[in-house]
Amino acid sequence: MGFWNELKEEWTWKSIKRNWPDYVAIIPAFCVAEPYRGTWKFFLIWCITFIISRFVILAVKKLISK
């Protein structure tokens, strides 16, 4: 039961609000990598696109918060 209690503590609205750029960055990463689904390039392109889109989202978030 320790696993489920730990999972409940981790998946709260507070943690989702704190990590929203990660969840949003998944969408463009998947859309860009979709044509390569089923090949070895899918994971590579997905990772690169995820990192770039997360960086852009965090940069925009930082610009807006200034």
N, C-alpha and C. Protein backbone atom coordinates (compact mmCIF):
# COMPACT_ATOMS: atom_id res chain seq x y z
N MET A 1 0.82 -1.20 0.00
CA MET A 1 0.00 0.00 0.00
C MET A 1 0.85 1.26 0.00
N GLY A 2 2.12 1.14 0.32
CA GLY A 2 2.99 2.31 0.35
C GLY A 2 3.12 2.97 -1.01
N PHE A 3 3.12 2.14 -2.05
CA PHE A 3 3.24 2.68 -3.41
C PHE A 3 2.05 3.57 -3.74
N TRP A 4 0.84 3.11 -3.43
CA TRP A 4 -0.37 3.88 -3.77
C TRP A 4 -0.46 5.17 -2.97
N ASN A 5 -0.05 5.12 -1.70
CA ASN A 5 -0.06 6.34 -0.89
C ASN A 5 0.94 7.36 -1.44
N GLU A 6 2.09 6.87 -1.84
CA GLU A 6 3.10 7.75 -2.42
C GLU A 6 2.62 8.34 -3.75
N LEU A 7 1.94 7.54 -4.54
CA LEU A 7 1.39 8.01 -5.81
C LEU A 7 0.32 9.07 -5.59
N LYS A 8 -0.53 8.89 -4.59
CA LYS A 8 -1.57 9.88 -4.28
C LYS A 8 -0.95 11.20 -3.85
N GLU A 9 0.15 11.13 -3.11
CA GLU A 9 0.82 12.36 -2.67
C GLU A 9 1.48 13.08 -3.85
N GLU A 10 1.98 12.32 -4.80
CA GLU A 10 2.69 12.92 -5.94
C GLU A 10 1.73 13.53 -6.95
N TRP A 11 0.61 12.88 -7.20
CA TRP A 11 -0.35 13.37 -8.21
C TRP A 11 -1.41 14.23 -7.55
N THR A 12 -1.02 15.43 -7.18
CA THR A 12 -1.95 16.40 -6.64
C THR A 12 -2.02 17.58 -7.60
N TRP A 13 -3.02 18.44 -7.43
CA TRP A 13 -3.13 19.61 -8.30
C TRP A 13 -1.91 20.51 -8.15
N LYS A 14 -1.36 20.53 -6.95
CA LYS A 14 -0.17 21.37 -6.72
C LYS A 14 1.01 20.89 -7.57
N SER A 15 1.23 19.59 -7.61
CA SER A 15 2.35 19.06 -8.40
C SER A 15 2.08 19.19 -9.89
N ILE A 16 0.82 19.05 -10.30
CA ILE A 16 0.49 19.19 -11.72
C ILE A 16 0.68 20.64 -12.15
N LYS A 17 0.26 21.59 -11.32
CA LYS A 17 0.45 23.00 -11.65
C LYS A 17 1.93 23.35 -11.72
N ARG A 18 2.72 22.75 -10.85
CA ARG A 18 4.16 23.02 -10.82
C ARG A 18 4.87 22.44 -12.05
N ASN A 19 4.40 21.31 -12.55
CA ASN A 19 5.06 20.61 -13.66
C ASN A 19 4.31 20.70 -14.98
N TRP A 20 3.44 21.68 -15.15
CA TRP A 20 2.63 21.74 -16.37
C TRP A 20 3.45 21.88 -17.64
N PRO A 21 4.63 22.54 -17.65
CA PRO A 21 5.39 22.59 -18.91
C PRO A 21 5.80 21.21 -19.42
N ASP A 22 6.04 20.29 -18.50
CA ASP A 22 6.40 18.93 -18.92
C ASP A 22 5.23 18.26 -19.64
N TYR A 23 4.03 18.44 -19.11
CA TYR A 23 2.86 17.81 -19.72
C TYR A 23 2.52 18.45 -21.07
N VAL A 24 2.68 19.75 -21.17
CA VAL A 24 2.38 20.45 -22.43
C VAL A 24 3.43 20.10 -23.48
N ALA A 25 4.68 19.92 -23.09
CA ALA A 25 5.76 19.63 -24.04
C ALA A 25 5.61 18.25 -24.68
N ILE A 26 4.84 17.38 -24.07
CA ILE A 26 4.62 16.05 -24.64
C ILE A 26 3.86 16.14 -25.96
N ILE A 27 2.93 17.10 -26.06
CA ILE A 27 2.06 17.20 -27.24
C ILE A 27 2.85 17.49 -28.52
N PRO A 28 3.66 18.57 -28.57
CA PRO A 28 4.41 18.79 -29.82
C PRO A 28 5.45 17.71 -30.08
N ALA A 29 6.01 17.14 -29.01
CA ALA A 29 7.00 16.08 -29.21
C ALA A 29 6.37 14.88 -29.90
N PHE A 30 5.18 14.51 -29.48
CA PHE A 30 4.51 13.37 -30.11
C PHE A 30 4.08 13.70 -31.53
N CYS A 31 3.58 14.91 -31.75
CA CYS A 31 3.12 15.30 -33.09
C CYS A 31 4.27 15.31 -34.11
N VAL A 32 5.43 15.76 -33.70
CA VAL A 32 6.58 15.81 -34.61
C VAL A 32 7.12 14.41 -34.87
N ALA A 33 7.14 13.56 -33.85
CA ALA A 33 7.71 12.22 -33.98
C ALA A 33 6.74 11.21 -34.58
N GLU A 34 5.48 11.54 -34.70
CA GLU A 34 4.46 10.60 -35.18
C GLU A 34 4.78 9.95 -36.53
N PRO A 35 5.29 10.68 -37.53
CA PRO A 35 5.59 10.01 -38.82
C PRO A 35 6.64 8.91 -38.70
N TYR A 36 7.44 8.92 -37.66
CA TYR A 36 8.51 7.93 -37.49
C TYR A 36 8.10 6.80 -36.55
N ARG A 37 6.83 6.70 -36.24
CA ARG A 37 6.35 5.68 -35.32
C ARG A 37 6.65 4.30 -35.88
N GLY A 38 7.18 3.44 -35.03
CA GLY A 38 7.52 2.09 -35.47
C GLY A 38 8.96 1.95 -35.93
N THR A 39 9.70 3.04 -35.93
CA THR A 39 11.11 2.98 -36.31
C THR A 39 11.96 3.40 -35.12
N TRP A 40 13.25 3.20 -35.23
CA TRP A 40 14.15 3.55 -34.14
C TRP A 40 14.28 5.06 -33.98
N LYS A 41 13.93 5.81 -35.02
CA LYS A 41 14.07 7.27 -34.97
C LYS A 41 12.99 7.92 -34.10
N PHE A 42 11.89 7.22 -33.85
CA PHE A 42 10.77 7.80 -33.10
C PHE A 42 11.22 8.31 -31.74
N PHE A 43 11.88 7.44 -30.97
CA PHE A 43 12.29 7.82 -29.62
C PHE A 43 13.31 8.95 -29.64
N LEU A 44 14.24 8.90 -30.57
CA LEU A 44 15.26 9.95 -30.68
C LEU A 44 14.63 11.30 -31.01
N ILE A 45 13.77 11.33 -32.00
CA ILE A 45 13.12 12.58 -32.39
C ILE A 45 12.18 13.06 -31.29
N TRP A 46 11.49 12.13 -30.63
CA TRP A 46 10.59 12.50 -29.54
C TRP A 46 11.37 13.17 -28.41
N CYS A 47 12.50 12.59 -28.03
CA CYS A 47 13.31 13.17 -26.94
C CYS A 47 13.84 14.56 -27.30
N ILE A 48 14.37 14.69 -28.49
CA ILE A 48 14.92 15.99 -28.91
C ILE A 48 13.82 17.04 -28.95
N THR A 49 12.67 16.70 -29.53
CA THR A 49 11.57 17.66 -29.62
C THR A 49 11.01 17.99 -28.24
N PHE A 50 10.95 17.01 -27.36
CA PHE A 50 10.46 17.25 -26.00
C PHE A 50 11.36 18.25 -25.28
N ILE A 51 12.67 18.05 -25.38
CA ILE A 51 13.62 18.95 -24.71
C ILE A 51 13.53 20.36 -25.27
N ILE A 52 13.46 20.48 -26.59
CA ILE A 52 13.37 21.81 -27.21
C ILE A 52 12.06 22.50 -26.85
N SER A 53 10.95 21.79 -26.94
CA SER A 53 9.66 22.41 -26.65
C SER A 53 9.54 22.77 -25.17
N ARG A 54 10.09 21.95 -24.30
CA ARG A 54 10.07 22.27 -22.87
C ARG A 54 10.91 23.52 -22.60
N PHE A 55 12.05 23.63 -23.25
CA PHE A 55 12.90 24.81 -23.10
C PHE A 55 12.17 26.07 -23.57
N VAL A 56 11.50 25.98 -24.71
CA VAL A 56 10.76 27.13 -25.24
C VAL A 56 9.61 27.51 -24.31
N ILE A 57 8.88 26.54 -23.82
CA ILE A 57 7.77 26.81 -22.91
C ILE A 57 8.26 27.48 -21.63
N LEU A 58 9.35 26.97 -21.07
CA LEU A 58 9.89 27.58 -19.85
C LEU A 58 10.43 28.98 -20.10
N ALA A 59 11.02 29.21 -21.28
CA ALA A 59 11.51 30.55 -21.61
C ALA A 59 10.35 31.54 -21.74
N VAL A 60 9.28 31.12 -22.39
CA VAL A 60 8.10 31.98 -22.53
C VAL A 60 7.48 32.23 -21.15
N LYS A 61 7.41 31.20 -20.35
CA LYS A 61 6.85 31.35 -18.99
C LYS A 61 7.67 32.35 -18.19
N LYS A 62 8.99 32.29 -18.31
CA LYS A 62 9.87 33.21 -17.60
C LYS A 62 9.71 34.63 -18.12
N LEU A 63 9.58 34.80 -19.43
CA LEU A 63 9.36 36.12 -20.03
C LEU A 63 8.05 36.74 -19.56
N ILE A 64 7.02 35.94 -19.50
CA ILE A 64 5.70 36.44 -19.08
C ILE A 64 5.71 36.84 -17.61
N SER A 65 6.42 36.07 -16.79
CA SER A 65 6.40 36.34 -15.35
C SER A 65 7.23 37.56 -14.94
N LYS A 66 8.04 38.11 -15.84
CA LYS A 66 8.85 39.28 -15.50
C LYS A 66 8.05 40.53 -15.39
